[in-house]
C-alpha atoms as a PDB file:
ATOM      1  CA  VAL A   1     -95.336-224.409  31.396  1.00  0.00           C
ATOM      2  CA  CYS A   2     -96.718-228.018  31.224  1.00  0.00           C
ATOM      3  CA  VAL A   3     -94.283-230.446  29.573  1.00  0.00           C
ATOM      4  CA  ASN A   4     -95.363-233.809  31.031  1.00  0.00           C
ATOM      5  CA  VAL A   5     -97.551-236.534  29.538  1.00  0.00           C
ATOM      6  CA  SER A   6    -101.028-235.307  28.589  1.00  0.00           C
ATOM      7  CA  PRO A   7    -103.045-236.460  31.612  1.00  0.00           C
ATOM      8  CA  ALA A   8    -100.731-234.674  34.059  1.00  0.00           C
ATOM      9  CA  SER A   9    -100.726-231.619  31.799  1.00  0.00           C
ATOM     10  CA  VAL A  10    -104.366-231.491  31.688  1.00  0.00           C
ATOM     11  CA  GLU A  11    -104.891-231.809  35.437  1.00  0.00           C
ATOM     12  CA  LYS A  12    -102.161-229.134  36.135  1.00  0.00           C
ATOM     13  CA  ALA A  13    -103.872-226.746  33.631  1.00  0.00           C
ATOM     14  CA  ARG A  14    -107.288-227.405  35.310  1.00  0.00           C
ATOM     15  CA  LYS A  15    -105.762-226.674  38.693  1.00  0.00           C
ATOM     16  CA  LEU A  16    -104.188-223.346  37.510  1.00  0.00           C
ATOM     17  CA  ILE A  17    -107.540-222.297  36.074  1.00  0.00           C
ATOM     18  CA  ARG A  18    -109.211-223.097  39.418  1.00  0.00           C
ATOM     19  CA  MET A  19    -106.653-221.083  41.253  1.00  0.00           C
ATOM     20  CA  TYR A  20    -107.066-218.045  38.879  1.00  0.00           C
ATOM     21  CA  LYS A  21    -110.900-218.220  39.294  1.00  0.00           C
ATOM     22  CA  GLU A  22    -110.430-218.262  43.144  1.00  0.00           C
ATOM     23  CA  HIS A  23    -108.858-214.921  42.766  1.00  0.00           C
ATOM     24  CA  GLY A  24    -111.570-213.494  40.375  1.00  0.00           C
ATOM     25  CA  ILE A  25    -109.791-214.188  37.096  1.00  0.00           C
ATOM     26  CA  GLU A  26    -111.779-216.002  34.426  1.00  0.00           C
ATOM     27  CA  LYS A  27    -110.351-218.650  32.176  1.00  0.00           C
ATOM     28  CA  ASP A  28    -110.654-216.543  29.018  1.00  0.00           C
ATOM     29  CA  ARG A  29    -108.001-214.283  30.282  1.00  0.00           C
ATOM     30  CA  VAL A  30    -105.439-217.163  30.722  1.00  0.00           C
ATOM     31  CA  LEU A  31    -103.289-218.925  28.262  1.00  0.00           C
ATOM     32  CA  ILE A  32    -101.873-222.332  29.343  1.00  0.00           C
ATOM     33  CA  LYS A  33     -98.446-222.695  27.851  1.00  0.00           C
ATOM     34  CA  LEU A  34     -97.719-226.239  26.682  1.00  0.00           C
ATOM     35  CA  ALA A  35     -94.621-227.662  24.857  1.00  0.00           C
ATOM     36  CA  THR A  36     -95.476-228.702  21.378  1.00  0.00           C
ATOM     37  CA  THR A  37     -94.833-232.469  21.827  1.00  0.00           C
ATOM     38  CA  TRP A  38     -97.428-235.054  20.750  1.00  0.00           C
ATOM     39  CA  GLU A  39     -98.540-235.289  24.433  1.00  0.00           C
ATOM     40  CA  GLY A  40     -98.736-231.478  24.595  1.00  0.00           C
ATOM     41  CA  CYS A  41    -100.939-231.270  21.507  1.00  0.00           C
ATOM     42  CA  GLU A  42    -103.194-234.022  22.861  1.00  0.00           C
ATOM     43  CA  ALA A  43    -103.553-232.126  26.123  1.00  0.00           C
ATOM     44  CA  ALA A  44    -104.412-228.904  24.188  1.00  0.00           C
ATOM     45  CA  LYS A  45    -107.052-230.827  22.269  1.00  0.00           C
ATOM     46  CA  ILE A  46    -108.816-231.800  25.662  1.00  0.00           C
ATOM     47  CA  LEU A  47    -108.329-228.413  27.239  1.00  0.00           C
ATOM     48  CA  GLU A  48    -109.568-226.349  24.260  1.00  0.00           C
ATOM     49  CA  LYS A  49    -112.778-228.415  24.343  1.00  0.00           C
ATOM     50  CA  GLU A  50    -113.251-227.346  27.918  1.00  0.00           C
ATOM     51  CA  GLY A  51    -112.706-223.642  27.019  1.00  0.00           C
ATOM     52  CA  ILE A  52    -109.201-223.539  28.399  1.00  0.00           C
ATOM     53  CA  HIS A  53    -107.092-221.694  25.887  1.00  0.00           C
ATOM     54  CA  CYS A  54    -103.616-222.981  25.051  1.00  0.00           C
ATOM     55  CA  ASN A  55    -100.391-221.353  23.755  1.00  0.00           C
ATOM     56  CA  MET A  56     -98.200-224.060  22.138  1.00  0.00           C
ATOM     57  CA  THR A  57     -94.586-223.179  22.734  1.00  0.00           C
ATOM     58  CA  LEU A  58     -91.153-224.604  21.809  1.00  0.00           C
ATOM     59  CA  LEU A  59     -92.336-224.835  18.232  1.00  0.00           C
ATOM     60  CA  PHE A  60     -89.564-225.033  15.636  1.00  0.00           C
ATOM     61  CA  SER A  61     -90.061-225.320  11.920  1.00  0.00           C
ATOM     62  CA  PHE A  62     -87.941-224.705   8.818  1.00  0.00           C
ATOM     63  CA  ALA A  63     -89.851-225.407   5.689  1.00  0.00           C
ATOM     64  CA  GLN A  64     -87.123-224.880   3.210  1.00  0.00           C
ATOM     65  CA  LEU A  65     -85.474-228.208   3.655  1.00  0.00           C
ATOM     66  CA  SER A  66     -84.090-229.247   0.191  1.00  0.00           C
ATOM     67  CA  VAL A  67     -83.158-232.492  -1.319  1.00  0.00           C
ATOM     68  CA  SER A  68     -79.590-231.476  -1.480  1.00  0.00           C
ATOM     69  CA  GLY A  69     -79.583-231.226   2.300  1.00  0.00           C
ATOM     70  CA  VAL A  70     -79.999-235.009   2.601  1.00  0.00           C
ATOM     71  CA  SER A  71     -78.377-236.448  -0.532  1.00  0.00           C
ATOM     72  CA  GLY A  72     -74.943-235.870   1.001  1.00  0.00           C
ATOM     73  CA  GLU A  73     -75.988-238.274   3.838  1.00  0.00           C
ATOM     74  CA  GLU A  74     -76.891-240.880   1.227  1.00  0.00           C
ATOM     75  CA  LYS A  75     -80.399-241.372   2.459  1.00  0.00           C
ATOM     76  CA  THR A  76     -82.768-243.681   0.540  1.00  0.00           C
ATOM     77  CA  ALA A  77     -86.452-243.510   0.352  1.00  0.00           C
ATOM     78  CA  ALA A  78     -88.164-246.828  -0.171  1.00  0.00           C
ATOM     79  CA  ARG A  79     -91.837-246.990  -0.738  1.00  0.00           C
ATOM     80  CA  SER A  80     -93.783-249.955   0.767  1.00  0.00           C
ATOM     81  CA  ALA A  81     -95.933-252.097  -1.434  1.00  0.00           C
ATOM     82  CA  GLY A  82     -99.049-250.088  -0.505  1.00  0.00           C
ATOM     83  CA  GLY A  83     -97.371-246.743  -1.093  1.00  0.00           C
ATOM     84  CA  GLU A  84     -98.433-245.548   2.289  1.00  0.00           C
ATOM     85  CA  ARG A  85     -95.172-245.549   4.204  1.00  0.00           C
ATOM     86  CA  VAL A  86     -91.908-243.682   3.670  1.00  0.00           C
ATOM     87  CA  GLN A  87     -88.834-245.445   5.092  1.00  0.00           C
ATOM     88  CA  LEU A  88     -85.431-243.774   5.259  1.00  0.00           C
ATOM     89  CA  GLY A  89     -82.131-245.816   5.258  1.00  0.00           C
ATOM     90  CA  LEU A  90     -78.473-245.232   4.738  1.00  0.00           C
ATOM     91  CA  PHE A  91     -77.646-246.663   1.358  1.00  0.00           C
ATOM     92  CA  SER A  92     -75.521-245.897  -1.685  1.00  0.00           C
ATOM     93  CA  PHE A  93     -78.419-244.607  -3.860  1.00  0.00           C
ATOM     94  CA  CYS A  94     -81.440-242.268  -3.508  1.00  0.00           C
ATOM     95  CA  LEU A  95     -84.885-242.831  -4.898  1.00  0.00           C
ATOM     96  CA  LEU A  96     -86.613-239.451  -5.163  1.00  0.00           C
ATOM     97  CA  ASN A  97     -90.158-239.039  -6.367  1.00  0.00           C
ATOM     98  CA  ALA A  98     -92.778-236.289  -5.843  1.00  0.00           C
ATOM     99  CA  ASP A  99     -94.121-237.783  -2.586  1.00  0.00           C
ATOM    100  CA  PHE A 100     -90.785-238.114  -1.090  1.00  0.00           C
ATOM    101  CA  LEU A 101     -89.793-234.586  -2.046  1.00  0.00           C
ATOM    102  CA  ARG A 102     -92.909-233.291  -0.247  1.00  0.00           C
ATOM    103  CA  PHE A 103     -92.186-235.444   2.707  1.00  0.00           C
ATOM    104  CA  LEU A 104     -88.860-233.822   3.084  1.00  0.00           C
ATOM    105  CA  ARG A 105     -90.251-230.319   2.741  1.00  0.00           C
ATOM    106  CA  VAL A 106     -93.003-230.722   5.345  1.00  0.00           C
ATOM    107  CA  SER A 107     -91.208-233.002   7.869  1.00  0.00           C
ATOM    108  CA  CYS A 108     -89.814-229.924   9.601  1.00  0.00           C
ATOM    109  CA  TRP A 109     -93.003-228.214  10.430  1.00  0.00           C
ATOM    110  CA  VAL A 110     -95.017-231.066  11.728  1.00  0.00           C
ATOM    111  CA  GLN A 111     -95.406-229.421  15.240  1.00  0.00           C
ATOM    112  CA  ALA A 112     -97.353-226.503  13.632  1.00  0.00           C
ATOM    113  CA  VAL A 113     -99.717-228.840  11.846  1.00  0.00           C
ATOM    114  CA  ALA A 114    -100.287-230.906  15.045  1.00  0.00           C
ATOM    115  CA  ALA A 115    -100.980-227.728  17.074  1.00  0.00           C
ATOM    116  CA  ALA A 116    -103.502-226.504  14.507  1.00  0.00           C
ATOM    117  CA  GLU A 117    -105.268-229.944  14.333  1.00  0.00           C
ATOM    118  CA  ALA A 118    -105.541-229.722  18.083  1.00  0.00           C
ATOM    119  CA  LYS A 119    -107.298-226.337  17.733  1.00  0.00           C
ATOM    120  CA  ALA A 120    -104.871-224.593  19.986  1.00  0.00           C
ATOM    121  CA  THR A 121    -105.685-220.926  20.578  1.00  0.00           C
ATOM    122  CA  LEU A 122    -102.115-219.817  19.833  1.00  0.00           C
ATOM    123  CA  ILE A 123     -98.691-221.029  18.712  1.00  0.00           C
ATOM    124  CA  SER A 124     -95.281-219.318  19.517  1.00  0.00           C
ATOM    125  CA  PRO A 125     -92.785-220.276  16.730  1.00  0.00           C
ATOM    126  CA  PHE A 126     -89.293-219.329  17.886  1.00  0.00           C
ATOM    127  CA  VAL A 127     -87.648-217.265  15.115  1.00  0.00           C
ATOM    128  CA  GLY A 128     -84.317-216.435  16.883  1.00  0.00           C
ATOM    129  CA  ARG A 129     -83.624-219.960  18.184  1.00  0.00           C
ATOM    130  CA  ILE A 130     -84.088-221.381  14.694  1.00  0.00           C
ATOM    131  CA  LEU A 131     -81.579-218.744  13.413  1.00  0.00           C
ATOM    132  CA  ASP A 132     -79.193-219.598  16.137  1.00  0.00           C
ATOM    133  CA  TYR A 133     -79.161-223.244  15.067  1.00  0.00           C
ATOM    134  CA  TYR A 134     -78.494-222.532  11.430  1.00  0.00           C
ATOM    135  CA  LYS A 135     -75.881-219.910  12.175  1.00  0.00           C
ATOM    136  CA  LYS A 136     -73.986-222.506  14.232  1.00  0.00           C
ATOM    137  CA  LEU A 137     -74.550-225.259  11.568  1.00  0.00           C
ATOM    138  CA  HIS A 138     -73.531-223.002   8.670  1.00  0.00           C
ATOM    139  CA  PRO A 139     -71.286-220.158   9.926  1.00  0.00           C
ATOM    140  CA  GLU A 140     -70.265-219.472   6.365  1.00  0.00           C
ATOM    141  CA  LYS A 141     -73.769-218.337   5.616  1.00  0.00           C
ATOM    142  CA  VAL A 142     -74.256-216.039   8.572  1.00  0.00           C
ATOM    143  CA  ALA A 143     -74.175-212.918   6.441  1.00  0.00           C
ATOM    144  CA  GLU A 144     -76.971-214.308   4.229  1.00  0.00           C
ATOM    145  CA  TYR A 145     -79.326-215.089   7.081  1.00  0.00           C
ATOM    146  CA  VAL A 146     -80.966-211.611   7.211  1.00  0.00           C
ATOM    147  CA  GLY A 147     -84.507-210.403   6.653  1.00  0.00           C
ATOM    148  CA  ALA A 148     -86.500-212.630   4.428  1.00  0.00           C
ATOM    149  CA  GLN A 149     -83.542-215.061   4.073  1.00  0.00           C
ATOM    150  CA  ASP A 150     -83.479-215.705   7.842  1.00  0.00           C
ATOM    151  CA  PRO A 151     -84.379-219.328   8.448  1.00  0.00           C
ATOM    152  CA  GLY A 152     -86.696-218.488  11.355  1.00  0.00           C
ATOM    153  CA  VAL A 153     -88.550-215.810   9.309  1.00  0.00           C
ATOM    154  CA  GLN A 154     -88.945-218.312   6.414  1.00  0.00           C
ATOM    155  CA  SER A 155     -90.451-220.865   8.902  1.00  0.00           C
ATOM    156  CA  VAL A 156     -93.067-218.511  10.304  1.00  0.00           C
ATOM    157  CA  LYS A 157     -94.082-217.331   6.902  1.00  0.00           C
ATOM    158  CA  ARG A 158     -94.661-220.908   5.750  1.00  0.00           C
ATOM    159  CA  ILE A 159     -96.696-221.721   8.851  1.00  0.00           C
ATOM    160  CA  TYR A 160     -98.733-218.581   8.482  1.00  0.00           C
ATOM    161  CA  LYS A 161     -99.532-219.246   4.857  1.00  0.00           C
ATOM    162  CA  TYR A 162    -100.430-222.922   5.653  1.00  0.00           C
ATOM    163  CA  TYR A 163    -102.795-221.914   8.492  1.00  0.00           C
ATOM    164  CA  LYS A 164    -104.605-219.314   6.341  1.00  0.00           C
ATOM    165  CA  LYS A 165    -104.814-221.499   3.346  1.00  0.00           C
ATOM    166  CA  HIS A 166    -106.608-224.226   5.395  1.00  0.00           C
ATOM    167  CA  ASN A 167    -108.611-221.781   7.472  1.00  0.00           C
ATOM    168  CA  TYR A 168    -107.092-222.794  10.855  1.00  0.00           C
ATOM    169  CA  LYS A 169    -108.218-220.345  13.533  1.00  0.00           C
ATOM    170  CA  THR A 170    -105.005-220.895  15.606  1.00  0.00           C
ATOM    171  CA  VAL A 171    -103.178-217.583  16.089  1.00  0.00           C
ATOM    172  CA  VAL A 172     -99.525-217.412  14.892  1.00  0.00           C
ATOM    173  CA  MET A 173     -97.475-215.376  17.423  1.00  0.00           C
ATOM    174  CA  ALA A 174     -93.830-215.081  16.276  1.00  0.00           C
ATOM    175  CA  ALA A 175     -91.545-215.038  19.236  1.00  0.00           C
ATOM    176  CA  SER A 176     -87.815-215.070  20.144  1.00  0.00           C
ATOM    177  CA  PHE A 177     -86.511-212.420  17.969  1.00  0.00           C
ATOM    178  CA  ARG A 178     -82.851-211.649  17.606  1.00  0.00           C
ATOM    179  CA  ASN A 179     -83.061-208.375  15.658  1.00  0.00           C
ATOM    180  CA  ILE A 180     -85.586-205.836  14.299  1.00  0.00           C
ATOM    181  CA  GLY A 181     -84.909-207.122  10.821  1.00  0.00           C
ATOM    182  CA  GLU A 182     -86.763-210.332  11.680  1.00  0.00           C
ATOM    183  CA  ILE A 183     -89.655-208.350  13.128  1.00  0.00           C
ATOM    184  CA  ILE A 184     -89.966-206.114   9.948  1.00  0.00           C
ATOM    185  CA  ALA A 185     -89.734-209.219   7.782  1.00  0.00           C
ATOM    186  CA  LEU A 186     -92.831-210.630   9.457  1.00  0.00           C
ATOM    187  CA  ALA A 187     -94.874-207.409   9.490  1.00  0.00           C
ATOM    188  CA  GLY A 188     -98.593-208.457   9.321  1.00  0.00           C
ATOM    189  CA  CYS A 189     -98.171-211.727  11.323  1.00  0.00           C
ATOM    190  CA  ASP A 190    -101.235-212.362  13.695  1.00  0.00           C
ATOM    191  CA  ARG A 191     -99.164-211.522  16.805  1.00  0.00           C
ATOM    192  CA  VAL A 192     -95.520-210.835  17.702  1.00  0.00           C
ATOM    193  CA  THR A 193     -93.912-210.798  21.161  1.00  0.00           C
ATOM    194  CA  VAL A 194     -91.022-208.352  21.265  1.00  0.00           C
ATOM    195  CA  SER A 195     -88.416-207.603  24.010  1.00  0.00           C
ATOM    196  CA  PRO A 196     -88.328-203.946  25.427  1.00  0.00           C
ATOM    197  CA  ALA A 197     -84.892-203.591  23.943  1.00  0.00           C
ATOM    198  CA  LEU A 198     -86.036-204.406  20.378  1.00  0.00           C
ATOM    199  CA  LEU A 199     -89.148-202.324  20.862  1.00  0.00           C
ATOM    200  CA  GLU A 200     -86.917-199.381  21.693  1.00  0.00           C
ATOM    201  CA  GLU A 201     -84.750-200.088  18.704  1.00  0.00           C
ATOM    202  CA  LEU A 202     -87.799-200.216  16.384  1.00  0.00           C
ATOM    203  CA  LYS A 203     -88.968-196.891  17.879  1.00  0.00           C
ATOM    204  CA  ASN A 204     -85.761-195.261  16.936  1.00  0.00           C
ATOM    205  CA  SER A 205     -85.365-196.849  13.561  1.00  0.00           C
ATOM    206  CA  ASP A 206     -86.129-195.165  10.361  1.00  0.00           C
ATOM    207  CA  LEU A 207     -86.304-198.436   8.437  1.00  0.00           C
ATOM    208  CA  PRO A 208     -89.513-198.715   6.205  1.00  0.00           C
ATOM    209  CA  VAL A 209     -92.081-201.192   7.399  1.00  0.00           C
ATOM    210  CA  ARG A 210     -94.282-202.788   4.842  1.00  0.00           C
ATOM    211  CA  ARG A 211     -96.946-205.402   5.529  1.00  0.00           C
ATOM    212  CA  VAL A 212     -95.496-208.670   4.356  1.00  0.00           C
ATOM    213  CA  LEU A 213     -98.106-211.199   5.589  1.00  0.00           C
ATOM    214  CA  GLY A 214    -101.832-211.125   5.439  1.00  0.00           C
ATOM    215  CA  GLU A 215    -102.372-208.884   2.390  1.00  0.00           C
ATOM    216  CA  PRO A 216    -105.568-209.804   0.588  1.00  0.00           C
ATOM    217  CA  THR A 217    -103.715-209.912  -2.734  1.00  0.00           C
ATOM    218  CA  GLU A 218    -100.906-212.078  -1.349  1.00  0.00           C
ATOM    219  CA  SER A 219    -100.276-215.153  -3.524  1.00  0.00           C
ATOM    220  CA  VAL A 220     -98.389-218.332  -2.654  1.00  0.00           C
ATOM    221  CA  GLU A 221     -95.149-218.764  -4.563  1.00  0.00           C
ATOM    222  CA  ALA A 222     -94.916-221.673  -6.939  1.00  0.00           C
ATOM    223  CA  SER A 223     -92.294-223.310  -4.684  1.00  0.00           C
ATOM    224  CA  ASP A 224     -94.771-223.382  -1.932  1.00  0.00           C
ATOM    225  CA  ALA A 225     -97.511-225.108  -3.845  1.00  0.00           C
ATOM    226  CA  GLU A 226     -96.793-228.746  -2.605  1.00  0.00           C
ATOM    227  CA  ASP A 227     -96.479-227.634   0.934  1.00  0.00           C
ATOM    228  CA  GLU A 228     -99.890-225.868   0.708  1.00  0.00           C
ATOM    229  CA  LYS A 229    -101.664-229.266   0.450  1.00  0.00           C
ATOM    230  CA  LYS A 230    -103.141-230.380   3.746  1.00  0.00           C
ATOM    231  CA  LEU A 231    -101.005-232.749   5.755  1.00  0.00           C
ATOM    232  CA  GLU A 232    -102.831-235.558   7.620  1.00  0.00           C
ATOM    233  CA  MET A 233    -101.495-236.049  11.124  1.00  0.00           C
ATOM    234  CA  ASP A 234    -101.503-238.921  13.540  1.00  0.00           C
ATOM    235  CA  GLU A 235     -98.995-239.882  16.308  1.00  0.00           C
ATOM    236  CA  LYS A 236     -96.902-242.108  14.138  1.00  0.00           C
ATOM    237  CA  THR A 237     -96.546-239.348  11.449  1.00  0.00           C
ATOM    238  CA  PHE A 238     -95.788-236.757  14.069  1.00  0.00           C
ATOM    239  CA  ARG A 239     -93.001-238.730  15.939  1.00  0.00           C
ATOM    240  CA  TRP A 240     -91.279-239.915  12.697  1.00  0.00           C
ATOM    241  CA  MET A 241     -91.315-236.498  10.985  1.00  0.00           C
ATOM    242  CA  LEU A 242     -90.088-234.717  14.156  1.00  0.00           C
ATOM    243  CA  ASN A 243     -87.366-237.274  14.421  1.00  0.00           C
ATOM    244  CA  GLU A 244     -86.240-236.463  10.890  1.00  0.00           C
ATOM    245  CA  ASP A 245     -85.897-232.807  11.766  1.00  0.00           C
ATOM    246  CA  ALA A 246     -82.572-232.517  13.613  1.00  0.00           C
ATOM    247  CA  MET A 247     -82.992-228.762  14.381  1.00  0.00           C
ATOM    248  CA  ALA A 248     -86.524-229.197  15.930  1.00  0.00           C
ATOM    249  CA  THR A 249     -85.599-232.334  17.812  1.00  0.00           C
ATOM    250  CA  GLU A 250     -82.621-230.606  19.450  1.00  0.00           C
ATOM    251  CA  LYS A 251     -84.239-227.311  20.103  1.00  0.00           C
ATOM    252  CA  LEU A 252     -87.408-228.893  21.589  1.00  0.00           C
ATOM    253  CA  ALA A 253     -85.362-230.960  23.936  1.00  0.00           C
ATOM    254  CA  GLU A 254     -83.103-228.161  24.916  1.00  0.00           C
ATOM    255  CA  GLY A 255     -86.145-225.903  25.544  1.00  0.00           C
ATOM    256  CA  ILE A 256     -87.834-228.419  27.806  1.00  0.00           C
ATOM    257  CA  ARG A 257     -84.681-228.836  29.807  1.00  0.00           C
ATOM    258  CA  SER A 258     -84.382-224.963  30.122  1.00  0.00           C
ATOM    259  CA  PHE A 259     -88.046-224.527  31.209  1.00  0.00           C
ATOM    260  CA  ASN A 260     -87.597-227.287  33.803  1.00  0.00           C
ATOM    261  CA  ARG A 261     -84.493-225.538  35.280  1.00  0.00           C
ATOM    262  CA  ASP A 262     -86.408-222.203  35.477  1.00  0.00           C
ATOM    263  CA  LEU A 263     -89.325-224.075  37.144  1.00  0.00           C
ATOM    264  CA  LEU A 264     -86.975-225.612  39.779  1.00  0.00           C
ATOM    265  CA  SER A 265     -85.421-222.145  40.374  1.00  0.00           C
ATOM    266  CA  LEU A 266     -88.764-220.574  40.771  1.00  0.00           C
ATOM    267  CA  LYS A 267     -89.953-223.282  43.227  1.00  0.00           C
ATOM    268  CA  GLU A 268     -86.755-222.677  45.318  1.00  0.00           C
ATOM    269  CA  MET A 269     -87.184-218.944  45.393  1.00  0.00           C
ATOM    270  CA  ILE A 270     -90.816-219.325  46.682  1.00  0.00           C
ATOM    271  CA  ARG A 271     -89.681-221.921  49.245  1.00  0.00           C
ATOM    272  CA  GLU A 272     -87.063-219.455  50.583  1.00  0.00           C
ATOM    273  CA  LYS A 273     -89.550-216.635  50.878  1.00  0.00           C
ATOM    274  CA  LEU A 274     -92.071-218.873  52.641  1.00  0.00           C
ATOM    275  CA  THR A 275     -89.437-219.986  54.979  1.00  0.00           C
ATOM    276  CA  LYS A 276     -88.492-216.441  55.845  1.00  0.00           C
ATOM    277  CA  ALA A 277     -92.107-215.318  56.246  1.00  0.00           C
END
């Protein structure tokens, strides 16, 4: 997993591809996993142009953010004179217009848009980790977060619809499942990565499985209409919108720390084996 600034990530990816080639494995069989930071997306953009395929990981989105979720924090949206910039501040009143409402709704899936714009081969939105966050944040709603009402499921659905609406070729591979209900609720997704334990549970389950995503007759709900509009993405927009999503910010940083710990552990294991050899 490459999580450093884009130049270092690009060089590391190229080195890995060269190493695979030396062992007879062509680059079209390899996916370079990159964290979905701005730097990671920029690295993917470069690598994909070279035919090196990328899997954007640590991608967290929850597109159902509502106005009520921020009004309690007394946030104010102030439009600049040119109408191009949204600024948020802590004041005693809230100015809400259509543009601001849409800003709130899309701010939490900015990673998915950036990955698609980078023409990444594949993204891995983490269903279960999103659920974990909201269960901890709202323990009183745990019983409601099942199936289609699971925040992680809702996030992947929204990303999937957005990608198909705007003809992005990036594959949506839902990952990090906590239960088979999440998997069934995302039936029809481009790809899913499922643990052996959940595969066994699915095998032994008699729950009906109906294709939810990808049906030719599938229509976008009226509530999704605003989010279906294409979002223009640049570095400033990415960083601000990601900053405004507490869940994605926390989980992205947490995931990078976790990957780094695993990398250090792997290096130590290899070092020990080489020492004993």
